[in-house]
Amino acid sequence: MPIEFDFAFLLPFALALLATGAFAGTLAGLLGVGGGIVIVPILYMLLPAFGVPEDLRMHLAVGTSLATIVPTGLVSAQSHWKRGGVDVDLLKKLGAFVVLGVAIGIFIGTRAGGETLKIIFASVALLVAVHMGLGKQEWCLRKSLPSWPGRALIGMFIGGFSVVMGIGGGTLGVPTLSLFNVPIRRAVGTAAALGPVIALPGVIGFIISGFGEPGLPPFSLGYANLLAFAVIVPSTIAFAPLGAKLAHTISPPLLRRAFAVFLLITACRMAWAVFG
């Protein structure tokens, strides 16, 4: 059974979720990253204050994050599509492999323990932090995407790890595609189009897996919290333009490094929770 409904629980939880969405939206607008990379660690850190058992926290954070990505990802993908930023040919080359990776990720993520999810998130967040803090846009491994065996690995990597981490296509898709000389605007637009492809089946998998799980907070549908969804999505969408506006007044390299520090601290905290 879920945790007993309590208005004393509801108000502070809703306010904390509102702040989470505002922070995620602002950073998304500032840095062009998906909100999931922010929402998951913040939810994970918030949930203990509301009595959610340790072994459920990562699953609930990941599933809820995936739920928020479905509408925000559709809005983002539509925006990039209208501006011609989505590379349809690239989608055709990677799409099926991304879906395959998502299927594998759902299988692993819904069956793995909370500690396994934390290790995966911490490891990949550390890689993203290094890329954000030290990477340069001109870095690339080769001048074009590899042939189909290589493309299969790229698509499965983006889809599989994204769904296990509760993030959209941008956080892993943009830097990965950039390493293969895909222009940054095409990489951003195409990765945005992959977001709903990753998130929709992902959240369905986490809902089914967590259905009827004891210890979940009020308004939970499996491992997706509907209250968090209802509060975070409008807040994220509302604050993303503010982040985009601030991006023109604050040094982008400084912002990238600040976000890298946030991810580094997050990765270390999750690693400490497992090994400390």
C-alpha atoms as a PDB file:
ATOM      1  CA  MET A   1       0.000   0.000   0.000  1.00  0.00           C
ATOM      2  CA  PRO A   2       1.165   3.575  -0.648  1.00  0.00           C
ATOM      3  CA  ILE A   3       2.198   5.824   2.223  1.00  0.00           C
ATOM      4  CA  GLU A   4      -0.962   7.152   3.935  1.00  0.00           C
ATOM      5  CA  PHE A   5      -2.287  10.402   2.493  1.00  0.00           C
ATOM      6  CA  ASP A   6      -1.471  13.378   4.692  1.00  0.00           C
ATOM      7  CA  PHE A   7      -1.829  17.100   3.899  1.00  0.00           C
ATOM      8  CA  ALA A   8       1.177  17.743   6.119  1.00  0.00           C
ATOM      9  CA  PHE A   9       3.092  15.625   3.618  1.00  0.00           C
ATOM     10  CA  LEU A  10       1.411  17.095   0.542  1.00  0.00           C
ATOM     11  CA  LEU A  11       2.246  20.801   0.869  1.00  0.00           C
ATOM     12  CA  PRO A  12       6.014  20.612   1.496  1.00  0.00           C
ATOM     13  CA  PHE A  13       6.329  17.827  -1.088  1.00  0.00           C
ATOM     14  CA  ALA A  14       4.532  19.936  -3.708  1.00  0.00           C
ATOM     15  CA  LEU A  15       6.663  23.004  -2.910  1.00  0.00           C
ATOM     16  CA  ALA A  16       9.847  20.944  -3.182  1.00  0.00           C
ATOM     17  CA  LEU A  17       8.680  19.568  -6.541  1.00  0.00           C
ATOM     18  CA  LEU A  18       7.887  23.078  -7.764  1.00  0.00           C
ATOM     19  CA  ALA A  19      11.422  24.165  -6.928  1.00  0.00           C
ATOM     20  CA  THR A  20      12.786  21.057  -8.651  1.00  0.00           C
ATOM     21  CA  GLY A  21      10.910  21.852 -11.861  1.00  0.00           C
ATOM     22  CA  ALA A  22      12.003  25.496 -11.758  1.00  0.00           C
ATOM     23  CA  PHE A  23      15.649  24.504 -11.293  1.00  0.00           C
ATOM     24  CA  ALA A  24      15.478  21.847 -14.020  1.00  0.00           C
ATOM     25  CA  GLY A  25      13.764  24.193 -16.478  1.00  0.00           C
ATOM     26  CA  THR A  26      16.200  27.007 -15.864  1.00  0.00           C
ATOM     27  CA  LEU A  27      19.207  24.749 -16.355  1.00  0.00           C
ATOM     28  CA  ALA A  28      17.624  23.207 -19.451  1.00  0.00           C
ATOM     29  CA  GLY A  29      17.253  26.671 -20.966  1.00  0.00           C
ATOM     30  CA  LEU A  30      20.713  27.765 -19.876  1.00  0.00           C
ATOM     31  CA  LEU A  31      22.677  24.737 -21.006  1.00  0.00           C
ATOM     32  CA  GLY A  32      20.486  22.883 -23.478  1.00  0.00           C
ATOM     33  CA  VAL A  33      20.465  19.736 -21.345  1.00  0.00           C
ATOM     34  CA  GLY A  34      17.419  17.613 -20.593  1.00  0.00           C
ATOM     35  CA  GLY A  35      15.667  18.130 -17.288  1.00  0.00           C
ATOM     36  CA  GLY A  36      16.026  14.476 -16.307  1.00  0.00           C
ATOM     37  CA  ILE A  37      19.705  14.783 -15.463  1.00  0.00           C
ATOM     38  CA  VAL A  38      18.632  17.349 -12.837  1.00  0.00           C
ATOM     39  CA  ILE A  39      15.264  15.903 -11.777  1.00  0.00           C
ATOM     40  CA  VAL A  40      16.524  12.405 -10.925  1.00  0.00           C
ATOM     41  CA  PRO A  41      19.235  13.362  -8.396  1.00  0.00           C
ATOM     42  CA  ILE A  42      17.111  16.081  -6.781  1.00  0.00           C
ATOM     43  CA  LEU A  43      14.136  13.730  -6.393  1.00  0.00           C
ATOM     44  CA  TYR A  44      16.443  11.076  -4.998  1.00  0.00           C
ATOM     45  CA  MET A  45      17.692  13.562  -2.394  1.00  0.00           C
ATOM     46  CA  LEU A  46      14.163  14.821  -1.567  1.00  0.00           C
ATOM     47  CA  LEU A  47      12.388  11.498  -1.152  1.00  0.00           C
ATOM     48  CA  PRO A  48      14.000  10.431   2.160  1.00  0.00           C
ATOM     49  CA  ALA A  49      12.459  13.493   3.833  1.00  0.00           C
ATOM     50  CA  PHE A  50       9.023  12.130   2.930  1.00  0.00           C
ATOM     51  CA  GLY A  51       9.492   8.616   4.235  1.00  0.00           C
ATOM     52  CA  VAL A  52      10.112   6.801   0.944  1.00  0.00           C
ATOM     53  CA  PRO A  53      12.139   3.614   1.617  1.00  0.00           C
ATOM     54  CA  GLU A  54      15.723   3.536   0.369  1.00  0.00           C
ATOM     55  CA  ASP A  55      15.160   0.630  -2.003  1.00  0.00           C
ATOM     56  CA  LEU A  56      12.382   2.523  -3.843  1.00  0.00           C
ATOM     57  CA  ARG A  57      13.931   5.977  -4.177  1.00  0.00           C
ATOM     58  CA  MET A  58      15.937   5.546  -7.379  1.00  0.00           C
ATOM     59  CA  HIS A  59      13.168   3.624  -9.137  1.00  0.00           C
ATOM     60  CA  LEU A  60      10.636   6.320  -8.218  1.00  0.00           C
ATOM     61  CA  ALA A  61      12.999   9.136  -9.231  1.00  0.00           C
ATOM     62  CA  VAL A  62      13.779   7.493 -12.586  1.00  0.00           C
ATOM     63  CA  GLY A  63      10.159   6.584 -13.400  1.00  0.00           C
ATOM     64  CA  THR A  64       8.842  10.031 -12.451  1.00  0.00           C
ATOM     65  CA  SER A  65      11.554  11.750 -14.451  1.00  0.00           C
ATOM     66  CA  LEU A  66      10.701   9.673 -17.533  1.00  0.00           C
ATOM     67  CA  ALA A  67       7.038  10.681 -17.135  1.00  0.00           C
ATOM     68  CA  THR A  68       7.945  14.387 -17.162  1.00  0.00           C
ATOM     69  CA  ILE A  69      10.089  13.933 -20.275  1.00  0.00           C
ATOM     70  CA  VAL A  70       7.171  12.688 -22.414  1.00  0.00           C
ATOM     71  CA  PRO A  71       5.320  16.056 -22.695  1.00  0.00           C
ATOM     72  CA  THR A  72       8.376  18.288 -22.429  1.00  0.00           C
ATOM     73  CA  GLY A  73      10.204  16.128 -24.974  1.00  0.00           C
ATOM     74  CA  LEU A  74       7.296  16.350 -27.426  1.00  0.00           C
ATOM     75  CA  VAL A  75       7.260  20.154 -27.127  1.00  0.00           C
ATOM     76  CA  SER A  76      11.031  20.307 -27.606  1.00  0.00           C
ATOM     77  CA  ALA A  77      11.013  17.912 -30.557  1.00  0.00           C
ATOM     78  CA  GLN A  78       8.219  19.849 -32.275  1.00  0.00           C
ATOM     79  CA  SER A  79      10.134  23.088 -31.806  1.00  0.00           C
ATOM     80  CA  HIS A  80      13.295  21.657 -33.364  1.00  0.00           C
ATOM     81  CA  TRP A  81      11.284  20.048 -36.179  1.00  0.00           C
ATOM     82  CA  LYS A  82       9.727  23.389 -37.139  1.00  0.00           C
ATOM     83  CA  ARG A  83      13.193  24.935 -37.309  1.00  0.00           C
ATOM     84  CA  GLY A  84      14.540  22.134 -39.493  1.00  0.00           C
ATOM     85  CA  GLY A  85      16.874  20.913 -36.757  1.00  0.00           C
ATOM     86  CA  VAL A  86      15.825  17.246 -36.844  1.00  0.00           C
ATOM     87  CA  ASP A  87      17.896  15.077 -39.186  1.00  0.00           C
ATOM     88  CA  VAL A  88      15.374  12.540 -40.480  1.00  0.00           C
ATOM     89  CA  ASP A  89      18.035  10.434 -42.188  1.00  0.00           C
ATOM     90  CA  LEU A  90      19.999  10.234 -38.945  1.00  0.00           C
ATOM     91  CA  LEU A  91      16.823   9.256 -37.088  1.00  0.00           C
ATOM     92  CA  LYS A  92      16.246   6.427 -39.571  1.00  0.00           C
ATOM     93  CA  LYS A  93      19.800   5.191 -39.079  1.00  0.00           C
ATOM     94  CA  LEU A  94      19.632   5.233 -35.274  1.00  0.00           C
ATOM     95  CA  GLY A  95      15.931   5.005 -34.345  1.00  0.00           C
ATOM     96  CA  ALA A  96      15.482   1.228 -34.401  1.00  0.00           C
ATOM     97  CA  PHE A  97      18.666   0.691 -32.400  1.00  0.00           C
ATOM     98  CA  VAL A  98      17.624   3.336 -29.851  1.00  0.00           C
ATOM     99  CA  VAL A  99      14.301   1.515 -29.389  1.00  0.00           C
ATOM    100  CA  LEU A 100      16.167  -1.769 -28.941  1.00  0.00           C
ATOM    101  CA  GLY A 101      18.379  -0.112 -26.337  1.00  0.00           C
ATOM    102  CA  VAL A 102      15.287   1.241 -24.575  1.00  0.00           C
ATOM    103  CA  ALA A 103      13.796  -2.265 -24.407  1.00  0.00           C
ATOM    104  CA  ILE A 104      17.010  -3.618 -22.886  1.00  0.00           C
ATOM    105  CA  GLY A 105      17.182  -0.661 -20.497  1.00  0.00           C
ATOM    106  CA  ILE A 106      13.601  -1.204 -19.313  1.00  0.00           C
ATOM    107  CA  PHE A 107      14.321  -4.868 -18.677  1.00  0.00           C
ATOM    108  CA  ILE A 108      17.444  -4.050 -16.669  1.00  0.00           C
ATOM    109  CA  GLY A 109      16.206  -0.887 -14.940  1.00  0.00           C
ATOM    110  CA  THR A 110      12.927  -2.311 -13.645  1.00  0.00           C
ATOM    111  CA  ARG A 111      14.620  -5.431 -12.292  1.00  0.00           C
ATOM    112  CA  ALA A 112      17.833  -3.936 -10.936  1.00  0.00           C
ATOM    113  CA  GLY A 113      18.155  -2.956  -7.304  1.00  0.00           C
ATOM    114  CA  GLY A 114      18.332   0.652  -6.208  1.00  0.00           C
ATOM    115  CA  GLU A 115      22.077   0.424  -5.665  1.00  0.00           C
ATOM    116  CA  THR A 116      22.646  -0.771  -9.236  1.00  0.00           C
ATOM    117  CA  LEU A 117      20.666   2.187 -10.584  1.00  0.00           C
ATOM    118  CA  LYS A 118      22.701   4.547  -8.410  1.00  0.00           C
ATOM    119  CA  ILE A 119      25.979   3.093  -9.686  1.00  0.00           C
ATOM    120  CA  ILE A 120      24.843   3.458 -13.307  1.00  0.00           C
ATOM    121  CA  PHE A 121      23.630   7.026 -12.774  1.00  0.00           C
ATOM    122  CA  ALA A 122      26.775   8.026 -10.874  1.00  0.00           C
ATOM    123  CA  SER A 123      29.089   6.522 -13.516  1.00  0.00           C
ATOM    124  CA  VAL A 124      27.392   8.130 -16.504  1.00  0.00           C
ATOM    125  CA  ALA A 125      26.866  11.438 -14.660  1.00  0.00           C
ATOM    126  CA  LEU A 126      30.608  11.487 -13.992  1.00  0.00           C
ATOM    127  CA  LEU A 127      31.325  11.041 -17.717  1.00  0.00           C
ATOM    128  CA  VAL A 128      28.871  13.820 -18.584  1.00  0.00           C
ATOM    129  CA  ALA A 129      30.476  16.053 -15.940  1.00  0.00           C
ATOM    130  CA  VAL A 130      33.909  15.533 -17.482  1.00  0.00           C
ATOM    131  CA  HIS A 131      32.510  16.292 -20.934  1.00  0.00           C
ATOM    132  CA  MET A 132      30.691  19.418 -19.727  1.00  0.00           C
ATOM    133  CA  GLY A 133      33.656  20.660 -17.720  1.00  0.00           C
ATOM    134  CA  LEU A 134      36.589  19.815 -19.975  1.00  0.00           C
ATOM    135  CA  GLY A 135      35.193  18.859 -23.370  1.00  0.00           C
ATOM    136  CA  LYS A 136      35.358  21.007 -26.479  1.00  0.00           C
ATOM    137  CA  GLN A 137      32.779  21.047 -29.248  1.00  0.00           C
ATOM    138  CA  GLU A 138      35.422  20.444 -31.896  1.00  0.00           C
ATOM    139  CA  TRP A 139      36.437  17.088 -30.385  1.00  0.00           C
ATOM    140  CA  CYS A 140      35.414  14.139 -32.558  1.00  0.00           C
ATOM    141  CA  LEU A 141      36.355  10.477 -32.948  1.00  0.00           C
ATOM    142  CA  ARG A 142      35.776  10.343 -36.699  1.00  0.00           C
ATOM    143  CA  LYS A 143      34.296  12.427 -39.515  1.00  0.00           C
ATOM    144  CA  SER A 144      31.029  10.479 -39.833  1.00  0.00           C
ATOM    145  CA  LEU A 145      28.915   7.815 -38.172  1.00  0.00           C
ATOM    146  CA  PRO A 146      30.306   4.285 -38.476  1.00  0.00           C
ATOM    147  CA  SER A 147      28.629   1.512 -40.475  1.00  0.00           C
ATOM    148  CA  TRP A 148      25.626  -0.349 -39.053  1.00  0.00           C
ATOM    149  CA  PRO A 149      27.373  -2.423 -36.346  1.00  0.00           C
ATOM    150  CA  GLY A 150      28.807   0.766 -34.896  1.00  0.00           C
ATOM    151  CA  ARG A 151      25.539   2.647 -35.333  1.00  0.00           C
ATOM    152  CA  ALA A 152      23.762  -0.171 -33.515  1.00  0.00           C
ATOM    153  CA  LEU A 153      26.047   0.240 -30.501  1.00  0.00           C
ATOM    154  CA  ILE A 154      25.618   4.027 -30.529  1.00  0.00           C
ATOM    155  CA  GLY A 155      21.813   3.809 -30.678  1.00  0.00           C
ATOM    156  CA  MET A 156      21.609   1.119 -28.014  1.00  0.00           C
ATOM    157  CA  PHE A 157      23.968   3.096 -25.764  1.00  0.00           C
ATOM    158  CA  ILE A 158      21.836   6.247 -26.033  1.00  0.00           C
ATOM    159  CA  GLY A 159      18.515   4.426 -25.583  1.00  0.00           C
ATOM    160  CA  GLY A 160      19.568   1.921 -22.932  1.00  0.00           C
ATOM    161  CA  PHE A 161      21.468   4.172 -20.568  1.00  0.00           C
ATOM    162  CA  SER A 162      19.001   7.062 -20.985  1.00  0.00           C
ATOM    163  CA  VAL A 163      16.003   5.002 -19.882  1.00  0.00           C
ATOM    164  CA  VAL A 164      17.885   3.431 -16.955  1.00  0.00           C
ATOM    165  CA  MET A 165      18.967   6.897 -15.806  1.00  0.00           C
ATOM    166  CA  GLY A 166      15.539   8.501 -16.333  1.00  0.00           C
ATOM    167  CA  ILE A 167      16.813  11.067 -18.848  1.00  0.00           C
ATOM    168  CA  GLY A 168      15.847  12.053 -22.378  1.00  0.00           C
ATOM    169  CA  GLY A 169      17.943  11.814 -25.505  1.00  0.00           C
ATOM    170  CA  GLY A 170      19.836  15.086 -25.151  1.00  0.00           C
ATOM    171  CA  THR A 171      22.198  14.425 -22.255  1.00  0.00           C
ATOM    172  CA  LEU A 172      23.840  11.424 -23.918  1.00  0.00           C
ATOM    173  CA  GLY A 173      22.715  11.915 -27.513  1.00  0.00           C
ATOM    174  CA  VAL A 174      24.188  15.363 -28.154  1.00  0.00           C
ATOM    175  CA  PRO A 175      27.762  14.680 -26.961  1.00  0.00           C
ATOM    176  CA  THR A 176      27.744  11.203 -28.540  1.00  0.00           C
ATOM    177  CA  LEU A 177      26.595  12.444 -31.954  1.00  0.00           C
ATOM    178  CA  SER A 178      29.005  15.381 -31.745  1.00  0.00           C
ATOM    179  CA  LEU A 179      31.881  12.929 -31.342  1.00  0.00           C
ATOM    180  CA  PHE A 180      30.994  11.659 -34.819  1.00  0.00           C
ATOM    181  CA  ASN A 181      31.086  15.109 -36.402  1.00  0.00           C
ATOM    182  CA  VAL A 182      27.322  15.691 -36.426  1.00  0.00           C
ATOM    183  CA  PRO A 183      26.834  19.505 -36.369  1.00  0.00           C
ATOM    184  CA  ILE A 184      25.709  20.680 -32.963  1.00  0.00           C
ATOM    185  CA  ARG A 185      22.307  22.013 -34.078  1.00  0.00           C
ATOM    186  CA  ARG A 186      21.482  18.764 -35.884  1.00  0.00           C
ATOM    187  CA  ALA A 187      22.704  16.777 -32.893  1.00  0.00           C
ATOM    188  CA  VAL A 188      20.513  18.773 -30.479  1.00  0.00           C
ATOM    189  CA  GLY A 189      17.414  18.584 -32.686  1.00  0.00           C
ATOM    190  CA  THR A 190      17.780  14.895 -33.470  1.00  0.00           C
ATOM    191  CA  ALA A 191      18.475  13.999 -29.840  1.00  0.00           C
ATOM    192  CA  ALA A 192      15.404  16.009 -28.811  1.00  0.00           C
ATOM    193  CA  ALA A 193      13.288  13.931 -31.208  1.00  0.00           C
ATOM    194  CA  LEU A 194      14.585  10.784 -29.520  1.00  0.00           C
ATOM    195  CA  GLY A 195      13.439  12.000 -26.073  1.00  0.00           C
ATOM    196  CA  PRO A 196       9.781  10.870 -26.287  1.00  0.00           C
ATOM    197  CA  VAL A 197      10.864   7.655 -28.031  1.00  0.00           C
ATOM    198  CA  ILE A 198      12.948   6.856 -24.970  1.00  0.00           C
ATOM    199  CA  ALA A 199      10.646   8.219 -22.264  1.00  0.00           C
ATOM    200  CA  LEU A 200       7.207   6.889 -23.247  1.00  0.00           C
ATOM    201  CA  PRO A 201       7.989   3.147 -23.264  1.00  0.00           C
ATOM    202  CA  GLY A 202      10.325   3.735 -20.335  1.00  0.00           C
ATOM    203  CA  VAL A 203       7.690   5.213 -18.054  1.00  0.00           C
ATOM    204  CA  ILE A 204       5.181   2.529 -19.053  1.00  0.00           C
ATOM    205  CA  GLY A 205       7.720  -0.099 -18.026  1.00  0.00           C
ATOM    206  CA  PHE A 206       8.368   1.588 -14.665  1.00  0.00           C
ATOM    207  CA  ILE A 207       4.633   2.014 -14.001  1.00  0.00           C
ATOM    208  CA  ILE A 208       3.945  -1.675 -14.629  1.00  0.00           C
ATOM    209  CA  SER A 209       6.973  -2.792 -12.638  1.00  0.00           C
ATOM    210  CA  GLY A 210       6.087  -0.715  -9.577  1.00  0.00           C
ATOM    211  CA  PHE A 211       2.338  -1.200  -9.622  1.00  0.00           C
ATOM    212  CA  GLY A 212       1.098  -2.092  -6.125  1.00  0.00           C
ATOM    213  CA  GLU A 213       4.563  -1.680  -4.570  1.00  0.00           C
ATOM    214  CA  PRO A 214       4.228  -0.925  -0.816  1.00  0.00           C
ATOM    215  CA  GLY A 215       5.887   2.205   0.575  1.00  0.00           C
ATOM    216  CA  LEU A 216       5.254   4.511  -2.381  1.00  0.00           C
ATOM    217  CA  PRO A 217       4.155   8.104  -1.629  1.00  0.00           C
ATOM    218  CA  PRO A 218       0.600   9.340  -2.338  1.00  0.00           C
ATOM    219  CA  PHE A 219      -0.457   9.769  -5.988  1.00  0.00           C
ATOM    220  CA  SER A 220       2.010   7.174  -7.234  1.00  0.00           C
ATOM    221  CA  LEU A 221       1.171   5.041 -10.252  1.00  0.00           C
ATOM    222  CA  GLY A 222       3.789   2.354 -10.075  1.00  0.00           C
ATOM    223  CA  TYR A 223       7.195   4.016 -10.050  1.00  0.00           C
ATOM    224  CA  ALA A 224       5.786   7.295 -11.400  1.00  0.00           C
ATOM    225  CA  ASN A 225       4.433   9.925  -9.030  1.00  0.00           C
ATOM    226  CA  LEU A 226       1.505  11.801 -10.576  1.00  0.00           C
ATOM    227  CA  LEU A 227       1.794  14.750  -8.182  1.00  0.00           C
ATOM    228  CA  ALA A 228       5.427  15.212  -9.138  1.00  0.00           C
ATOM    229  CA  PHE A 229       4.482  14.968 -12.807  1.00  0.00           C
ATOM    230  CA  ALA A 230       1.682  17.546 -12.454  1.00  0.00           C
ATOM    231  CA  VAL A 231       3.905  20.049 -10.619  1.00  0.00           C
ATOM    232  CA  ILE A 232       7.271  19.570 -12.333  1.00  0.00           C
ATOM    233  CA  VAL A 233       6.119  19.673 -15.978  1.00  0.00           C
ATOM    234  CA  PRO A 234       4.464  23.149 -15.929  1.00  0.00           C
ATOM    235  CA  SER A 235       7.252  24.493 -13.736  1.00  0.00           C
ATOM    236  CA  THR A 236       9.949  23.187 -16.083  1.00  0.00           C
ATOM    237  CA  ILE A 237       8.220  24.592 -19.168  1.00  0.00           C
ATOM    238  CA  ALA A 238       7.619  27.950 -17.465  1.00  0.00           C
ATOM    239  CA  PHE A 239      11.242  28.417 -16.362  1.00  0.00           C
ATOM    240  CA  ALA A 240      12.993  27.157 -19.518  1.00  0.00           C
ATOM    241  CA  PRO A 241      12.573  30.557 -21.292  1.00  0.00           C
ATOM    242  CA  LEU A 242      14.136  32.273 -18.273  1.00  0.00           C
ATOM    243  CA  GLY A 243      17.140  29.988 -18.582  1.00  0.00           C
ATOM    244  CA  ALA A 244      17.398  30.700 -22.301  1.00  0.00           C
ATOM    245  CA  LYS A 245      17.297  34.446 -21.559  1.00  0.00           C
ATOM    246  CA  LEU A 246      19.979  34.157 -18.872  1.00  0.00           C
ATOM    247  CA  ALA A 247      22.146  32.208 -21.300  1.00  0.00           C
ATOM    248  CA  HIS A 248      22.706  35.443 -23.212  1.00  0.00           C
ATOM    249  CA  THR A 249      23.944  37.304 -20.126  1.00  0.00           C
ATOM    250  CA  ILE A 250      26.108  34.677 -18.383  1.00  0.00           C
ATOM    251  CA  SER A 251      29.312  33.143 -19.720  1.00  0.00           C
ATOM    252  CA  PRO A 252      28.448  29.736 -21.310  1.00  0.00           C
ATOM    253  CA  PRO A 253      31.829  28.157 -20.396  1.00  0.00           C
ATOM    254  CA  LEU A 254      31.329  29.220 -16.777  1.00  0.00           C
ATOM    255  CA  LEU A 255      27.814  27.733 -16.794  1.00  0.00           C
ATOM    256  CA  ARG A 256      29.014  24.454 -18.269  1.00  0.00           C
ATOM    257  CA  ARG A 257      31.700  24.151 -15.610  1.00  0.00           C
ATOM    258  CA  ALA A 258      29.258  25.022 -12.822  1.00  0.00           C
ATOM    259  CA  PHE A 259      26.867  22.334 -14.045  1.00  0.00           C
ATOM    260  CA  ALA A 260      29.776  19.905 -14.308  1.00  0.00           C
ATOM    261  CA  VAL A 261      30.534  20.559 -10.629  1.00  0.00           C
ATOM    262  CA  PHE A 262      26.862  19.889  -9.766  1.00  0.00           C
ATOM    263  CA  LEU A 263      26.984  16.566 -11.636  1.00  0.00           C
ATOM    264  CA  LEU A 264      30.324  15.661 -10.053  1.00  0.00           C
ATOM    265  CA  ILE A 265      28.929  16.266  -6.564  1.00  0.00           C
ATOM    266  CA  THR A 266      25.802  14.279  -7.469  1.00  0.00           C
ATOM    267  CA  ALA A 267      27.850  11.362  -8.817  1.00  0.00           C
ATOM    268  CA  CYS A 268      30.058  11.333  -5.713  1.00  0.00           C
ATOM    269  CA  ARG A 269      27.048  11.471  -3.395  1.00  0.00           C
ATOM    270  CA  MET A 270      25.385   8.517  -5.102  1.00  0.00           C
ATOM    271  CA  ALA A 271      28.637   6.562  -5.144  1.00  0.00           C
ATOM    272  CA  TRP A 272      29.096   7.271  -1.431  1.00  0.00           C
ATOM    273  CA  ALA A 273      25.538   6.048  -0.755  1.00  0.00           C
ATOM    274  CA  VAL A 274      26.525   2.714  -2.312  1.00  0.00           C
ATOM    275  CA  PHE A 275      30.128   2.249  -1.192  1.00  0.00           C
ATOM    276  CA  GLY A 276      30.435   4.569   1.800  1.00  0.00           C
END
